[in-house]
Structure formats: structure tokens, C-alpha cells
Amino acid sequence: MKPNTHAQSSAKQFGGIPEDYMEIHDFLDHTKMMFPDNRHRALLHSSWGIYICERVFGTIIKNSSGKIINVRSIAEQHIFEDFGGKFIPTPQDYLEEMEHKDWMSNDSKSYPPSMRKIAKKRIIKKIF
């Protein structure tokens, strides 16, 4: 779902107008800028992401109707909707599906994908 669709759903569920909720839904989906498919969800669509939303937006907001809404409830709704109303994953759920690579354990001979080109240039410079 798009952030605007989530915001409309929040307004229907909690009252107020979609604009009351857009900032939270945009925040949860802003990771699409880095990874434009559903793997972006691994970064904030989890119980940890809900906690992060509370740190960023506070524990409550007041909507345009004057109603106090828990940020946790808004974030939970977003994630629950994105997973078909079935569950809210934990970071462990994502990490257990991830293949462990040597660079994750500080192996000095391997590099993450984002650093491989830079590492090759450094090695070439050392040789010459």
C-alpha cells in the first residue's frame, strides 16, 4: 500500500483527516528510496520500526478532531495492513532469513556489496 492509502485507513479507523497521519506513514515507507521493492520493509516494518516511530514522533499525536492517538497504534496498523492483516514481524524474522556473510564478522578479506568497488581500488593502489 502507498502512504496515502494507509493515511486514509488511519483517518477511517482513528478519526480526523488523512493528513493527520501522513508523516508517520511516509516515515515507515521512506526506505523505498534506498530499496524500491518490498525488501525495504526489513528496515522499519517490524516491532523495532514501531519503537523507532515512537522515538521520532513521540508516543501520541493529536489529530485534527482533537483526539489523542497512540503512534504505536498507527504504526501497527500500517505494518499489519502491509502484511495482509496477518502479523507484525520482528527484526529476528528478517535476520533469520538473511544469509550470513564473512564481512558481517569483520573478516578483513571480504567487503559488503556497497564497498567492493572501493576495496578493489584500494588494493590496486597498494600493489602499484
N, C-alpha and C. Protein backbone atom coordinates (compact mmCIF):
# COMPACT_ATOMS: atom_id res chain seq x y z
N MET A 1 0.83 -1.19 0.00
CA MET A 1 0.00 0.00 0.00
C MET A 1 0.87 1.25 0.00
N LYS A 2 0.36 2.30 -0.55
CA LYS A 2 1.04 3.59 -0.57
C LYS A 2 0.74 4.35 0.74
N PRO A 3 1.65 5.27 1.15
CA PRO A 3 1.41 6.01 2.39
C PRO A 3 0.05 6.72 2.44
N ASN A 4 -0.39 7.26 1.31
CA ASN A 4 -1.68 7.95 1.30
C ASN A 4 -2.83 6.98 1.59
N THR A 5 -2.74 5.78 1.07
CA THR A 5 -3.78 4.77 1.33
C THR A 5 -3.80 4.41 2.81
N HIS A 6 -2.60 4.26 3.40
CA HIS A 6 -2.51 3.99 4.84
C HIS A 6 -3.10 5.15 5.64
N ALA A 7 -2.80 6.38 5.21
CA ALA A 7 -3.31 7.56 5.92
C ALA A 7 -4.83 7.63 5.86
N GLN A 8 -5.40 7.29 4.72
CA GLN A 8 -6.87 7.25 4.60
C GLN A 8 -7.44 6.19 5.54
N SER A 9 -6.78 5.06 5.61
CA SER A 9 -7.22 4.00 6.51
C SER A 9 -7.13 4.44 7.97
N SER A 10 -6.06 5.16 8.31
CA SER A 10 -5.90 5.67 9.68
C SER A 10 -7.01 6.65 10.04
N ALA A 11 -7.33 7.54 9.10
CA ALA A 11 -8.41 8.51 9.35
C ALA A 11 -9.73 7.80 9.57
N LYS A 12 -9.97 6.75 8.81
CA LYS A 12 -11.20 5.98 8.96
C LYS A 12 -11.23 5.29 10.33
N GLN A 13 -10.08 4.74 10.73
CA GLN A 13 -10.02 3.99 11.99
C GLN A 13 -9.96 4.88 13.22
N PHE A 14 -9.17 5.97 13.16
CA PHE A 14 -8.92 6.78 14.35
C PHE A 14 -9.62 8.13 14.35
N GLY A 15 -10.20 8.52 13.21
CA GLY A 15 -10.83 9.83 13.10
C GLY A 15 -9.86 10.86 12.52
N GLY A 16 -10.36 12.06 12.33
CA GLY A 16 -9.53 13.11 11.75
C GLY A 16 -9.46 12.98 10.24
N ILE A 17 -8.39 13.53 9.67
CA ILE A 17 -8.22 13.52 8.22
C ILE A 17 -6.91 12.79 7.87
N PRO A 18 -6.77 12.31 6.65
CA PRO A 18 -5.55 11.57 6.28
C PRO A 18 -4.26 12.34 6.56
N GLU A 19 -4.29 13.65 6.37
CA GLU A 19 -3.09 14.47 6.58
C GLU A 19 -2.57 14.37 8.02
N ASP A 20 -3.44 14.03 8.96
CA ASP A 20 -3.02 13.87 10.36
C ASP A 20 -1.99 12.75 10.50
N TYR A 21 -2.00 11.81 9.58
CA TYR A 21 -1.22 10.58 9.71
C TYR A 21 -0.13 10.40 8.66
N MET A 22 -0.13 11.30 7.64
CA MET A 22 0.78 11.13 6.51
C MET A 22 2.25 11.06 6.91
N GLU A 23 2.67 11.90 7.84
CA GLU A 23 4.09 11.94 8.21
C GLU A 23 4.57 10.60 8.76
N ILE A 24 3.75 9.95 9.55
CA ILE A 24 4.12 8.64 10.11
C ILE A 24 4.18 7.59 9.01
N HIS A 25 3.18 7.57 8.13
CA HIS A 25 3.17 6.58 7.05
C HIS A 25 4.29 6.83 6.04
N ASP A 26 4.57 8.09 5.75
CA ASP A 26 5.71 8.42 4.88
C ASP A 26 7.01 7.94 5.50
N PHE A 27 7.16 8.13 6.81
CA PHE A 27 8.37 7.70 7.50
C PHE A 27 8.56 6.19 7.37
N LEU A 28 7.51 5.43 7.61
CA LEU A 28 7.62 3.97 7.53
C LEU A 28 7.99 3.50 6.12
N ASP A 29 7.57 4.23 5.11
CA ASP A 29 7.83 3.82 3.73
C ASP A 29 8.98 4.56 3.06
N HIS A 30 9.65 5.47 3.77
CA HIS A 30 10.72 6.22 3.11
C HIS A 30 11.91 5.36 2.74
N THR A 31 12.00 4.17 3.29
CA THR A 31 13.10 3.27 2.94
C THR A 31 12.99 2.76 1.50
N LYS A 32 11.85 3.00 0.85
CA LYS A 32 11.71 2.65 -0.57
C LYS A 32 12.69 3.44 -1.43
N MET A 33 13.15 4.57 -0.94
CA MET A 33 14.13 5.37 -1.69
C MET A 33 15.43 4.59 -1.85
N MET A 34 15.76 3.77 -0.87
CA MET A 34 17.01 3.02 -0.91
C MET A 34 16.85 1.66 -1.58
N PHE A 35 15.66 1.09 -1.45
CA PHE A 35 15.42 -0.25 -1.97
C PHE A 35 13.97 -0.32 -2.43
N PRO A 36 13.72 -0.13 -3.72
CA PRO A 36 12.36 0.10 -4.21
C PRO A 36 11.48 -1.14 -4.42
N ASP A 37 11.73 -2.19 -3.67
CA ASP A 37 10.77 -3.29 -3.69
C ASP A 37 10.46 -3.65 -2.23
N ASN A 38 9.69 -4.68 -2.02
CA ASN A 38 9.20 -4.95 -0.66
C ASN A 38 10.28 -5.36 0.34
N ARG A 39 11.52 -5.56 -0.13
CA ARG A 39 12.60 -5.83 0.82
C ARG A 39 12.90 -4.60 1.68
N HIS A 40 12.45 -3.42 1.24
CA HIS A 40 12.64 -2.21 2.06
C HIS A 40 11.97 -2.38 3.42
N ARG A 41 10.99 -3.23 3.50
CA ARG A 41 10.25 -3.43 4.75
C ARG A 41 11.14 -3.96 5.87
N ALA A 42 12.23 -4.62 5.52
CA ALA A 42 13.12 -5.18 6.55
C ALA A 42 13.68 -4.10 7.47
N LEU A 43 13.69 -2.86 7.03
CA LEU A 43 14.29 -1.79 7.84
C LEU A 43 13.35 -1.21 8.89
N LEU A 44 12.08 -1.02 8.59
CA LEU A 44 11.17 -0.39 9.57
C LEU A 44 9.84 -1.13 9.77
N HIS A 45 9.51 -2.07 8.93
CA HIS A 45 8.23 -2.77 9.06
C HIS A 45 8.37 -3.96 10.02
N SER A 46 8.54 -3.62 11.29
CA SER A 46 8.73 -4.65 12.32
C SER A 46 8.40 -4.05 13.68
N SER A 47 8.45 -4.87 14.69
CA SER A 47 8.24 -4.38 16.06
C SER A 47 9.27 -3.30 16.40
N TRP A 48 10.48 -3.43 15.88
CA TRP A 48 11.52 -2.42 16.08
C TRP A 48 11.14 -1.11 15.40
N GLY A 49 10.61 -1.18 14.17
CA GLY A 49 10.19 0.02 13.45
C GLY A 49 9.10 0.77 14.19
N ILE A 50 8.22 0.05 14.86
CA ILE A 50 7.18 0.69 15.67
C ILE A 50 7.81 1.48 16.81
N TYR A 51 8.79 0.87 17.45
CA TYR A 51 9.53 1.54 18.52
C TYR A 51 10.22 2.81 17.99
N ILE A 52 10.84 2.71 16.82
CA ILE A 52 11.52 3.86 16.21
C ILE A 52 10.51 4.98 15.92
N CYS A 53 9.33 4.63 15.43
CA CYS A 53 8.29 5.65 15.19
C CYS A 53 7.97 6.41 16.47
N GLU A 54 7.89 5.71 17.57
CA GLU A 54 7.61 6.38 18.85
C GLU A 54 8.75 7.30 19.26
N ARG A 55 9.97 6.94 18.94
CA ARG A 55 11.12 7.80 19.26
C ARG A 55 11.11 9.05 18.39
N VAL A 56 10.70 8.90 17.12
CA VAL A 56 10.71 10.02 16.18
C VAL A 56 9.51 10.95 16.40
N PHE A 57 8.32 10.39 16.57
CA PHE A 57 7.08 11.18 16.61
C PHE A 57 6.51 11.37 18.01
N GLY A 58 7.10 10.71 19.00
CA GLY A 58 6.54 10.73 20.34
C GLY A 58 5.54 9.59 20.49
N THR A 59 5.03 9.39 21.66
CA THR A 59 4.14 8.25 21.89
C THR A 59 2.69 8.54 21.48
N ILE A 60 2.34 9.82 21.38
CA ILE A 60 0.98 10.18 20.99
C ILE A 60 0.99 11.36 20.02
N ILE A 61 -0.07 11.45 19.23
CA ILE A 61 -0.33 12.65 18.43
C ILE A 61 -1.77 13.07 18.70
N LYS A 62 -2.07 14.31 18.40
CA LYS A 62 -3.45 14.79 18.47
C LYS A 62 -3.89 15.03 17.04
N ASN A 63 -4.97 14.36 16.62
CA ASN A 63 -5.44 14.54 15.24
C ASN A 63 -6.26 15.82 15.12
N SER A 64 -6.70 16.13 13.92
CA SER A 64 -7.41 17.39 13.66
C SER A 64 -8.77 17.45 14.35
N SER A 65 -9.27 16.31 14.82
CA SER A 65 -10.53 16.28 15.58
C SER A 65 -10.29 16.49 17.07
N GLY A 66 -9.00 16.64 17.44
CA GLY A 66 -8.66 16.83 18.85
C GLY A 66 -8.50 15.53 19.61
N LYS A 67 -8.58 14.41 18.93
CA LYS A 67 -8.47 13.10 19.58
C LYS A 67 -6.99 12.72 19.73
N ILE A 68 -6.64 12.16 20.89
CA ILE A 68 -5.29 11.69 21.15
C ILE A 68 -5.18 10.25 20.63
N ILE A 69 -4.14 10.02 19.79
CA ILE A 69 -3.93 8.70 19.17
C ILE A 69 -2.52 8.24 19.50
N ASN A 70 -2.39 6.97 19.87
CA ASN A 70 -1.07 6.39 20.11
C ASN A 70 -0.35 6.19 18.78
N VAL A 71 0.87 6.69 18.70
CA VAL A 71 1.69 6.50 17.50
C VAL A 71 1.89 5.01 17.26
N ARG A 72 2.05 4.25 18.32
CA ARG A 72 2.21 2.80 18.20
C ARG A 72 1.03 2.18 17.43
N SER A 73 -0.17 2.62 17.71
CA SER A 73 -1.35 2.08 17.03
C SER A 73 -1.34 2.40 15.54
N ILE A 74 -0.88 3.59 15.19
CA ILE A 74 -0.82 3.98 13.78
C ILE A 74 0.22 3.15 13.04
N ALA A 75 1.40 2.99 13.64
CA ALA A 75 2.47 2.20 13.02
C ALA A 75 2.07 0.73 12.94
N GLU A 76 1.46 0.20 13.99
CA GLU A 76 1.00 -1.19 13.95
C GLU A 76 -0.01 -1.39 12.83
N GLN A 77 -0.93 -0.46 12.67
CA GLN A 77 -1.94 -0.55 11.62
C GLN A 77 -1.26 -0.61 10.26
N HIS A 78 -0.28 0.27 10.01
CA HIS A 78 0.43 0.33 8.74
C HIS A 78 1.07 -1.03 8.41
N ILE A 79 1.83 -1.54 9.37
CA ILE A 79 2.56 -2.79 9.14
C ILE A 79 1.60 -3.96 9.00
N PHE A 80 0.61 -3.99 9.85
CA PHE A 80 -0.39 -5.06 9.79
C PHE A 80 -1.06 -5.08 8.42
N GLU A 81 -1.43 -3.91 7.91
CA GLU A 81 -2.05 -3.83 6.58
C GLU A 81 -1.11 -4.31 5.49
N ASP A 82 0.17 -3.93 5.59
CA ASP A 82 1.12 -4.34 4.55
C ASP A 82 1.36 -5.84 4.53
N PHE A 83 1.12 -6.51 5.64
CA PHE A 83 1.28 -7.96 5.68
C PHE A 83 -0.08 -8.68 5.68
N GLY A 84 -1.03 -8.07 5.00
CA GLY A 84 -2.32 -8.71 4.78
C GLY A 84 -3.14 -8.95 6.02
N GLY A 85 -2.90 -8.16 7.07
CA GLY A 85 -3.67 -8.31 8.30
C GLY A 85 -3.33 -9.56 9.07
N LYS A 86 -2.15 -10.13 8.80
CA LYS A 86 -1.80 -11.41 9.43
C LYS A 86 -0.86 -11.29 10.64
N PHE A 87 0.13 -10.39 10.57
CA PHE A 87 1.15 -10.35 11.61
C PHE A 87 1.97 -9.07 11.52
N ILE A 88 2.75 -8.83 12.58
CA ILE A 88 3.78 -7.80 12.59
C ILE A 88 5.09 -8.54 12.85
N PRO A 89 6.01 -8.53 11.87
CA PRO A 89 7.26 -9.27 12.07
C PRO A 89 8.18 -8.60 13.10
N THR A 90 9.10 -9.38 13.61
CA THR A 90 10.15 -8.86 14.48
C THR A 90 11.43 -8.73 13.64
N PRO A 91 12.42 -8.00 14.12
CA PRO A 91 13.70 -7.98 13.41
C PRO A 91 14.28 -9.39 13.25
N GLN A 92 14.08 -10.22 14.24
CA GLN A 92 14.56 -11.60 14.17
C GLN A 92 13.98 -12.33 12.96
N ASP A 93 12.72 -12.08 12.64
CA ASP A 93 12.09 -12.73 11.49
C ASP A 93 12.86 -12.42 10.21
N TYR A 94 13.25 -11.16 10.04
CA TYR A 94 14.02 -10.77 8.85
C TYR A 94 15.43 -11.34 8.89
N LEU A 95 16.10 -11.18 10.03
CA LEU A 95 17.51 -11.57 10.13
C LEU A 95 17.72 -13.08 9.99
N GLU A 96 16.76 -13.86 10.46
CA GLU A 96 16.90 -15.31 10.31
C GLU A 96 16.82 -15.76 8.85
N GLU A 97 16.24 -14.93 8.01
CA GLU A 97 16.15 -15.25 6.58
C GLU A 97 17.37 -14.75 5.79
N MET A 98 18.23 -13.99 6.46
CA MET A 98 19.39 -13.40 5.81
C MET A 98 20.58 -14.36 5.87
N GLU A 99 21.25 -14.51 4.75
CA GLU A 99 22.44 -15.35 4.72
C GLU A 99 23.60 -14.62 5.38
N HIS A 100 24.29 -15.28 6.29
CA HIS A 100 25.44 -14.68 6.97
C HIS A 100 26.63 -14.64 6.00
N LYS A 101 27.29 -13.50 5.93
CA LYS A 101 28.46 -13.33 5.08
C LYS A 101 29.68 -13.04 5.96
N ASP A 102 30.87 -13.36 5.47
CA ASP A 102 32.08 -13.17 6.26
C ASP A 102 32.29 -11.72 6.70
N TRP A 103 31.97 -10.75 5.84
CA TRP A 103 32.20 -9.35 6.20
C TRP A 103 31.40 -8.94 7.43
N MET A 104 30.30 -9.65 7.71
CA MET A 104 29.49 -9.32 8.88
C MET A 104 30.21 -9.65 10.19
N SER A 105 31.24 -10.48 10.10
CA SER A 105 32.03 -10.86 11.27
C SER A 105 33.40 -10.20 11.26
N ASN A 106 33.52 -9.11 10.51
CA ASN A 106 34.76 -8.33 10.45
C ASN A 106 35.90 -9.10 9.79
N ASP A 107 35.58 -9.91 8.81
CA ASP A 107 36.60 -10.59 8.02
C ASP A 107 37.32 -9.54 7.19
N SER A 108 38.60 -9.39 7.39
CA SER A 108 39.35 -8.33 6.73
C SER A 108 39.54 -8.56 5.23
N LYS A 109 39.19 -9.74 4.73
CA LYS A 109 39.38 -10.03 3.31
C LYS A 109 38.10 -9.91 2.50
N SER A 110 36.99 -9.62 3.16
CA SER A 110 35.73 -9.51 2.41
C SER A 110 35.06 -8.18 2.73
N TYR A 111 34.22 -7.75 1.81
CA TYR A 111 33.57 -6.46 1.92
C TYR A 111 32.09 -6.59 1.56
N PRO A 112 31.25 -5.73 2.14
CA PRO A 112 29.83 -5.72 1.72
C PRO A 112 29.73 -5.19 0.30
N PRO A 113 28.64 -5.47 -0.39
CA PRO A 113 28.48 -5.02 -1.78
C PRO A 113 28.73 -3.53 -1.99
N SER A 114 28.33 -2.70 -1.03
CA SER A 114 28.49 -1.26 -1.19
C SER A 114 29.95 -0.81 -1.17
N MET A 115 30.85 -1.65 -0.70
CA MET A 115 32.26 -1.27 -0.57
C MET A 115 33.18 -2.02 -1.52
N ARG A 116 32.67 -2.94 -2.31
CA ARG A 116 33.55 -3.77 -3.13
C ARG A 116 34.36 -2.99 -4.15
N LYS A 117 33.75 -2.03 -4.84
CA LYS A 117 34.49 -1.23 -5.82
C LYS A 117 35.58 -0.40 -5.14
N ILE A 118 35.25 0.18 -4.00
CA ILE A 118 36.22 0.99 -3.26
C ILE A 118 37.36 0.10 -2.78
N ALA A 119 37.04 -1.08 -2.27
CA ALA A 119 38.06 -2.01 -1.78
C ALA A 119 39.00 -2.41 -2.91
N LYS A 120 38.47 -2.67 -4.09
CA LYS A 120 39.31 -3.04 -5.24
C LYS A 120 40.26 -1.91 -5.58
N LYS A 121 39.80 -0.68 -5.56
CA LYS A 121 40.67 0.47 -5.86
C LYS A 121 41.78 0.57 -4.83
N ARG A 122 41.48 0.33 -3.56
CA ARG A 122 42.50 0.40 -2.50
C ARG A 122 43.55 -0.68 -2.70
N ILE A 123 43.11 -1.87 -3.07
CA ILE A 123 44.04 -2.99 -3.28
C ILE A 123 44.94 -2.68 -4.47
N ILE A 124 44.38 -2.17 -5.55
CA ILE A 124 45.16 -1.83 -6.73
C ILE A 124 46.20 -0.76 -6.41
N LYS A 125 45.82 0.27 -5.65
CA LYS A 125 46.75 1.31 -5.27
C LYS A 125 47.90 0.76 -4.42
N LYS A 126 47.62 -0.21 -3.54
CA LYS A 126 48.66 -0.80 -2.70
C LYS A 126 49.65 -1.59 -3.53
N ILE A 127 49.17 -2.26 -4.59
CA ILE A 127 50.02 -3.06 -5.45
C ILE A 127 50.98 -2.17 -6.24
N PHE A 128 50.46 -1.05 -6.72
CA PHE A 128 51.28 -0.15 -7.54
C PHE A 128 51.80 0.93 -6.68
